[in-house]
N, C-alpha and C. Protein backbone atom coordinates (compact mmCIF):
# COMPACT_ATOMS: atom_id res chain seq x y z
N MET A 1 -20.68 -7.68 -1.74
CA MET A 1 -19.59 -8.23 -1.11
C MET A 1 -19.42 -7.36 0.20
N SER A 2 -19.07 -8.04 1.33
CA SER A 2 -18.89 -7.33 2.54
C SER A 2 -17.73 -6.44 2.53
N THR A 3 -17.86 -5.36 3.30
CA THR A 3 -16.77 -4.40 3.52
C THR A 3 -16.22 -4.28 4.83
N PHE A 4 -15.28 -3.64 5.06
CA PHE A 4 -14.64 -3.35 6.46
C PHE A 4 -13.90 -1.98 6.26
N ALA A 5 -13.61 -1.42 7.49
CA ALA A 5 -13.02 0.08 7.65
C ALA A 5 -11.61 -0.26 7.18
N LEU A 6 -11.06 0.75 6.40
CA LEU A 6 -9.63 0.73 6.01
C LEU A 6 -9.00 2.10 6.33
N LYS A 7 -7.91 2.15 6.89
CA LYS A 7 -7.19 3.40 7.18
C LYS A 7 -5.74 3.06 6.86
N LEU A 8 -5.30 4.02 5.86
CA LEU A 8 -3.91 4.03 5.57
C LEU A 8 -3.16 5.31 5.94
N ILE A 9 -2.19 5.06 6.75
CA ILE A 9 -1.57 6.23 7.37
C ILE A 9 -0.02 6.23 7.11
N ALA A 10 0.46 7.43 6.70
CA ALA A 10 1.87 7.78 6.70
C ALA A 10 2.22 8.85 7.72
N PRO A 11 3.31 9.08 8.08
CA PRO A 11 3.77 9.95 9.11
C PRO A 11 3.18 11.51 8.79
N THR A 12 3.07 11.76 7.61
CA THR A 12 2.64 13.24 7.46
C THR A 12 1.12 13.38 6.77
N ARG A 13 0.43 12.32 6.59
CA ARG A 13 -0.96 12.37 6.23
C ARG A 13 -1.61 11.10 6.34
N VAL A 14 -2.94 11.20 6.36
CA VAL A 14 -3.86 10.00 6.23
C VAL A 14 -3.92 9.80 4.66
N LEU A 15 -3.71 8.54 4.11
CA LEU A 15 -3.70 8.44 2.59
C LEU A 15 -5.06 7.98 2.30
N PHE A 16 -5.77 7.28 3.18
CA PHE A 16 -7.04 6.77 2.77
C PHE A 16 -7.76 6.49 4.11
N GLU A 17 -9.06 6.79 4.13
CA GLU A 17 -9.94 6.40 5.17
C GLU A 17 -11.38 6.09 4.65
N GLY A 18 -11.87 4.96 4.65
CA GLY A 18 -13.18 4.55 4.14
C GLY A 18 -13.37 3.14 4.26
N ARG A 19 -13.93 2.61 3.24
CA ARG A 19 -14.43 1.29 3.32
C ARG A 19 -13.74 0.40 2.15
N ALA A 20 -13.32 -0.84 2.46
CA ALA A 20 -12.77 -1.69 1.32
C ALA A 20 -13.34 -3.07 1.38
N SER A 21 -13.38 -3.69 0.28
CA SER A 21 -13.86 -4.99 0.33
C SER A 21 -12.61 -6.07 0.05
N LEU A 22 -11.46 -5.53 -0.20
CA LEU A 22 -10.28 -6.47 -0.40
C LEU A 22 -9.03 -5.38 -0.22
N VAL A 23 -7.91 -6.06 0.50
CA VAL A 23 -6.81 -5.27 0.51
C VAL A 23 -5.73 -6.31 0.20
N ILE A 24 -4.70 -6.07 -0.62
CA ILE A 24 -3.54 -6.95 -0.96
C ILE A 24 -2.27 -6.31 -0.59
N ALA A 25 -1.55 -6.81 0.41
CA ALA A 25 -0.33 -5.97 0.92
C ALA A 25 0.87 -6.93 0.72
N VAL A 26 2.08 -6.48 0.53
CA VAL A 26 3.22 -7.14 0.45
C VAL A 26 3.93 -7.08 1.81
N THR A 27 4.01 -8.28 2.37
CA THR A 27 4.47 -8.31 3.85
C THR A 27 5.87 -9.17 3.58
N THR A 28 6.53 -9.15 4.61
CA THR A 28 7.92 -9.89 4.75
C THR A 28 7.74 -11.25 4.55
N GLU A 29 6.47 -11.83 4.58
CA GLU A 29 6.19 -13.28 4.30
C GLU A 29 5.51 -13.43 2.98
N GLY A 30 5.40 -12.50 2.18
CA GLY A 30 4.73 -12.66 0.94
C GLY A 30 3.56 -11.79 0.86
N GLU A 31 2.83 -11.86 -0.16
CA GLU A 31 1.50 -11.16 -0.37
C GLU A 31 0.45 -11.61 0.53
N GLU A 32 -0.34 -10.70 1.21
CA GLU A 32 -1.44 -11.13 2.18
C GLU A 32 -2.73 -10.52 1.59
N GLY A 33 -3.73 -11.24 1.39
CA GLY A 33 -5.02 -10.84 0.73
C GLY A 33 -5.86 -10.86 2.02
N ILE A 34 -6.66 -9.74 2.14
CA ILE A 34 -7.59 -9.56 3.34
C ILE A 34 -9.00 -9.16 2.87
N LEU A 35 -9.79 -9.92 3.41
CA LEU A 35 -11.41 -9.68 2.98
C LEU A 35 -11.97 -9.53 4.43
N ALA A 36 -13.30 -9.11 4.34
CA ALA A 36 -14.00 -8.82 5.62
C ALA A 36 -14.09 -10.20 6.38
N GLY A 37 -13.87 -10.09 7.69
CA GLY A 37 -14.19 -11.27 8.59
C GLY A 37 -12.67 -11.98 8.72
N HIS A 38 -11.63 -11.27 8.24
CA HIS A 38 -10.33 -11.90 8.27
C HIS A 38 -9.85 -12.18 9.70
N ALA A 39 -9.24 -13.23 10.01
CA ALA A 39 -8.72 -13.57 11.32
C ALA A 39 -7.75 -12.57 11.80
N PRO A 40 -7.72 -12.18 13.09
CA PRO A 40 -6.81 -11.12 13.48
C PRO A 40 -5.46 -11.50 12.95
N PHE A 41 -4.72 -10.39 12.49
CA PHE A 41 -3.34 -10.52 11.87
C PHE A 41 -2.62 -9.36 11.88
N VAL A 42 -1.28 -9.39 12.28
CA VAL A 42 -0.42 -8.29 12.32
C VAL A 42 0.94 -8.79 11.42
N GLY A 43 1.31 -7.75 10.52
CA GLY A 43 2.25 -8.18 9.67
C GLY A 43 3.32 -6.91 9.42
N ALA A 44 4.49 -7.39 9.20
CA ALA A 44 5.44 -6.18 8.69
C ALA A 44 5.50 -6.12 7.16
N LEU A 45 5.34 -4.84 6.81
CA LEU A 45 5.31 -4.67 5.34
C LEU A 45 6.66 -4.41 4.61
N LYS A 46 6.90 -4.83 3.50
CA LYS A 46 8.13 -4.43 2.84
C LYS A 46 7.85 -3.62 1.71
N PRO A 47 8.75 -2.83 1.01
CA PRO A 47 8.41 -2.10 -0.06
C PRO A 47 7.76 -2.89 -1.22
N GLY A 48 6.61 -2.40 -1.70
CA GLY A 48 5.78 -3.02 -2.77
C GLY A 48 4.58 -2.20 -3.12
N VAL A 49 3.75 -2.89 -3.81
CA VAL A 49 2.47 -2.19 -4.25
C VAL A 49 1.36 -2.74 -3.54
N LEU A 50 0.67 -1.79 -2.77
CA LEU A 50 -0.58 -2.12 -2.04
C LEU A 50 -1.76 -2.01 -3.03
N ARG A 51 -2.54 -2.87 -3.01
CA ARG A 51 -3.84 -2.62 -3.79
C ARG A 51 -4.92 -2.98 -2.92
N ALA A 52 -6.11 -2.17 -3.16
CA ALA A 52 -7.30 -2.33 -2.37
C ALA A 52 -8.42 -1.88 -3.29
N GLU A 53 -9.60 -2.71 -3.11
CA GLU A 53 -10.95 -2.29 -3.73
C GLU A 53 -11.72 -1.40 -2.66
N VAL A 54 -11.79 -0.25 -2.84
CA VAL A 54 -12.30 0.70 -1.82
C VAL A 54 -13.60 1.55 -2.19
N SER A 55 -14.28 2.00 -1.21
CA SER A 55 -15.18 3.06 -1.48
C SER A 55 -15.26 4.06 -0.37
N ASP A 56 -15.47 5.22 -0.85
CA ASP A 56 -15.52 6.36 -0.06
C ASP A 56 -16.40 7.51 -0.79
N GLU A 57 -16.35 8.68 -0.44
CA GLU A 57 -17.18 9.74 -0.93
C GLU A 57 -17.07 9.98 -2.37
N SER A 58 -16.06 9.45 -3.03
CA SER A 58 -15.87 9.58 -4.44
C SER A 58 -16.28 8.28 -5.08
N GLY A 59 -16.84 7.42 -4.36
CA GLY A 59 -17.48 6.11 -5.05
C GLY A 59 -16.49 4.95 -4.96
N ASN A 60 -16.82 3.88 -5.68
CA ASN A 60 -16.10 2.59 -5.67
C ASN A 60 -14.90 2.74 -6.52
N ARG A 61 -13.70 2.28 -6.25
CA ARG A 61 -12.55 2.27 -7.08
C ARG A 61 -11.42 1.37 -6.62
N ARG A 62 -10.52 1.27 -7.37
CA ARG A 62 -9.30 0.32 -7.04
C ARG A 62 -8.19 1.48 -6.58
N LEU A 63 -7.60 1.24 -5.47
CA LEU A 63 -6.61 2.11 -4.91
C LEU A 63 -5.35 1.24 -5.09
N GLU A 64 -4.22 1.87 -5.69
CA GLU A 64 -3.09 1.34 -5.78
C GLU A 64 -1.88 2.33 -5.35
N LEU A 65 -1.17 1.88 -4.37
CA LEU A 65 0.02 2.62 -3.91
C LEU A 65 1.24 1.94 -3.83
N ALA A 66 2.41 2.68 -4.30
CA ALA A 66 3.65 2.13 -4.02
C ALA A 66 4.05 2.46 -2.55
N THR A 67 4.35 1.53 -1.80
CA THR A 67 4.53 1.71 -0.23
C THR A 67 5.97 1.34 0.06
N ASP A 68 6.36 1.83 1.10
CA ASP A 68 7.67 1.57 1.79
C ASP A 68 7.42 0.64 2.83
N ASP A 69 8.36 0.52 3.85
CA ASP A 69 8.34 -0.37 5.04
C ASP A 69 7.18 0.11 5.87
N GLY A 70 6.61 -0.86 6.71
CA GLY A 70 5.48 -0.45 7.56
C GLY A 70 4.88 -1.67 8.20
N PHE A 71 3.69 -1.60 8.59
CA PHE A 71 3.06 -2.55 9.43
C PHE A 71 1.38 -2.56 8.93
N ILE A 72 0.98 -3.83 9.07
CA ILE A 72 -0.56 -3.76 8.75
C ILE A 72 -1.09 -4.77 9.85
N GLN A 73 -2.25 -4.15 10.33
CA GLN A 73 -3.15 -4.89 11.16
C GLN A 73 -4.54 -5.13 10.65
N ALA A 74 -4.93 -6.47 10.82
CA ALA A 74 -6.26 -6.88 10.24
C ALA A 74 -6.84 -7.41 11.37
N LEU A 75 -8.16 -6.94 11.46
CA LEU A 75 -9.07 -7.46 12.54
C LEU A 75 -10.35 -7.82 11.66
N PRO A 76 -11.43 -8.56 12.11
CA PRO A 76 -12.46 -8.96 11.25
C PRO A 76 -13.30 -7.82 10.70
N ASP A 77 -13.30 -6.58 11.29
CA ASP A 77 -14.08 -5.56 10.92
C ASP A 77 -13.23 -4.36 10.44
N ARG A 78 -11.92 -4.42 10.45
CA ARG A 78 -11.06 -3.21 10.07
C ARG A 78 -9.71 -3.55 9.81
N VAL A 79 -9.01 -2.85 8.95
CA VAL A 79 -7.53 -2.96 8.59
C VAL A 79 -6.98 -1.64 8.75
N THR A 80 -5.78 -1.52 9.40
CA THR A 80 -5.04 -0.52 9.52
C THR A 80 -3.61 -0.65 8.98
N VAL A 81 -3.15 0.31 8.08
CA VAL A 81 -1.79 0.03 7.44
C VAL A 81 -1.06 1.35 7.78
N LEU A 82 0.12 1.14 8.32
CA LEU A 82 0.95 2.22 8.68
C LEU A 82 2.31 2.04 7.92
N VAL A 83 2.51 3.04 7.09
CA VAL A 83 3.78 2.98 6.22
C VAL A 83 4.54 4.34 6.27
N GLU A 84 5.93 4.05 6.05
CA GLU A 84 6.86 5.29 6.09
C GLU A 84 6.50 6.24 5.04
N ARG A 85 6.20 5.58 3.67
CA ARG A 85 5.93 6.45 2.61
C ARG A 85 5.03 5.71 1.68
N ALA A 86 4.37 6.52 1.03
CA ALA A 86 3.36 5.79 -0.06
C ALA A 86 3.04 6.84 -1.07
N LEU A 87 2.99 6.50 -2.34
CA LEU A 87 2.75 7.27 -3.46
C LEU A 87 1.74 6.67 -4.26
N ALA A 88 0.90 7.42 -4.95
CA ALA A 88 0.00 7.02 -5.91
C ALA A 88 0.51 7.12 -7.31
N ILE A 89 -0.05 6.57 -8.28
CA ILE A 89 0.63 6.52 -9.67
C ILE A 89 0.80 7.87 -10.11
N ASP A 90 -0.06 8.79 -9.90
CA ASP A 90 0.05 10.25 -10.40
C ASP A 90 1.03 11.07 -9.58
N GLU A 91 1.61 10.53 -8.45
CA GLU A 91 2.57 11.09 -7.71
C GLU A 91 3.97 10.78 -8.09
N ILE A 92 4.09 9.77 -8.89
CA ILE A 92 5.47 9.04 -9.26
C ILE A 92 6.18 9.83 -10.47
N ASP A 93 7.21 10.37 -10.48
CA ASP A 93 7.98 10.92 -11.47
C ASP A 93 8.95 9.76 -11.94
N ILE A 94 8.76 9.24 -13.03
CA ILE A 94 9.39 8.01 -13.53
C ILE A 94 10.88 8.30 -13.62
N GLU A 95 11.19 9.48 -14.31
CA GLU A 95 12.76 9.71 -14.66
C GLU A 95 13.33 9.97 -13.29
N ALA A 96 12.86 10.69 -12.32
CA ALA A 96 13.48 10.98 -11.05
C ALA A 96 13.71 9.60 -10.32
N THR A 97 12.62 8.75 -10.36
CA THR A 97 12.65 7.44 -9.74
C THR A 97 13.77 6.65 -10.48
N ARG A 98 13.92 6.69 -11.71
CA ARG A 98 15.01 5.94 -12.31
C ARG A 98 16.41 6.33 -11.81
N ALA A 99 16.50 7.67 -11.74
CA ALA A 99 17.64 8.33 -11.23
C ALA A 99 18.03 7.88 -9.83
N GLU A 100 16.89 7.90 -9.00
CA GLU A 100 16.91 7.52 -7.62
C GLU A 100 17.49 6.06 -7.44
N LEU A 101 16.80 5.12 -8.33
CA LEU A 101 17.37 3.86 -8.31
C LEU A 101 18.76 3.57 -8.69
N ALA A 102 19.16 4.36 -9.69
CA ALA A 102 20.49 4.14 -10.11
C ALA A 102 21.59 4.68 -9.07
N ALA A 103 21.14 5.73 -8.37
CA ALA A 103 22.01 6.13 -7.17
C ALA A 103 21.89 5.39 -5.94
N ALA A 104 20.83 4.58 -5.78
CA ALA A 104 20.57 4.02 -4.53
C ALA A 104 21.59 2.84 -4.12
N THR A 105 22.00 2.65 -2.97
CA THR A 105 22.89 1.77 -2.42
C THR A 105 22.21 1.00 -1.25
N ASP A 106 21.14 1.55 -0.60
CA ASP A 106 20.56 0.82 0.47
C ASP A 106 19.49 0.05 -0.07
N PRO A 107 19.34 -1.24 0.46
CA PRO A 107 18.38 -2.11 -0.15
C PRO A 107 16.94 -1.61 -0.01
N ALA A 108 16.73 -1.09 1.06
CA ALA A 108 15.37 -0.46 1.27
C ALA A 108 14.97 0.53 0.15
N ALA A 109 15.96 1.46 0.07
CA ALA A 109 15.71 2.52 -1.10
C ALA A 109 15.57 1.88 -2.37
N ILE A 110 16.38 0.91 -2.74
CA ILE A 110 16.27 0.28 -3.97
C ILE A 110 14.83 -0.42 -4.21
N ALA A 111 14.35 -1.11 -3.03
CA ALA A 111 13.03 -1.80 -3.16
C ALA A 111 11.89 -0.92 -3.40
N PHE A 112 12.04 0.34 -2.69
CA PHE A 112 10.97 1.32 -2.79
C PHE A 112 10.98 1.86 -4.21
N ALA A 113 12.08 2.21 -4.79
CA ALA A 113 12.12 2.73 -6.01
C ALA A 113 11.77 1.76 -7.02
N GLU A 114 12.02 0.38 -6.96
CA GLU A 114 11.48 -0.68 -7.80
C GLU A 114 9.94 -0.66 -7.67
N ALA A 115 9.39 -0.54 -6.49
CA ALA A 115 8.05 -0.58 -6.37
C ALA A 115 7.23 0.51 -7.01
N LYS A 116 7.92 1.75 -6.94
CA LYS A 116 7.30 2.82 -7.61
C LYS A 116 7.31 2.73 -9.16
N LEU A 117 8.43 2.25 -9.62
CA LEU A 117 8.30 1.89 -11.14
C LEU A 117 7.48 0.76 -11.51
N ARG A 118 7.27 -0.30 -10.60
CA ARG A 118 6.40 -1.27 -11.01
C ARG A 118 4.97 -0.84 -11.05
N LEU A 119 4.60 0.16 -10.11
CA LEU A 119 3.26 0.63 -10.12
C LEU A 119 3.15 1.63 -11.30
N ALA A 120 4.04 2.47 -11.71
CA ALA A 120 3.96 3.33 -12.71
C ALA A 120 3.85 2.67 -14.10
N ARG A 121 4.45 1.40 -14.35
CA ARG A 121 4.40 0.61 -15.51
C ARG A 121 2.99 -0.15 -15.57
N SER A 122 2.37 -0.24 -14.44
CA SER A 122 0.99 -0.95 -14.49
C SER A 122 -0.10 0.00 -15.08
N ALA A 123 0.25 1.31 -15.01
CA ALA A 123 -0.90 2.22 -15.46
C ALA A 123 -1.15 2.25 -16.99
């Protein structure tokens, strides 16, 4: 399967930089699946679970991250994802996230907490 360059960036760190064969992101218009050769696309991301089939120095694997608001740009040979926050399954504290969700009043905070719990439950 053809691959493309993928870079996932948060304000404090590069979350992933390598090759991918598929990216599925949650945009404000719904889920967007991206393969190599995708038509140019720019979208706004909403909190959700980003999934990608990736390869880097550690080999081929599935990457899953709970992501906050952000943006995605797809070009035929590369995809760039910019997010405010992103967490992998092993970075999610379920009890703390449940407390965060119970205390949240902001819709964006609620959506990000729900995305974290959705990802944690899928493990």
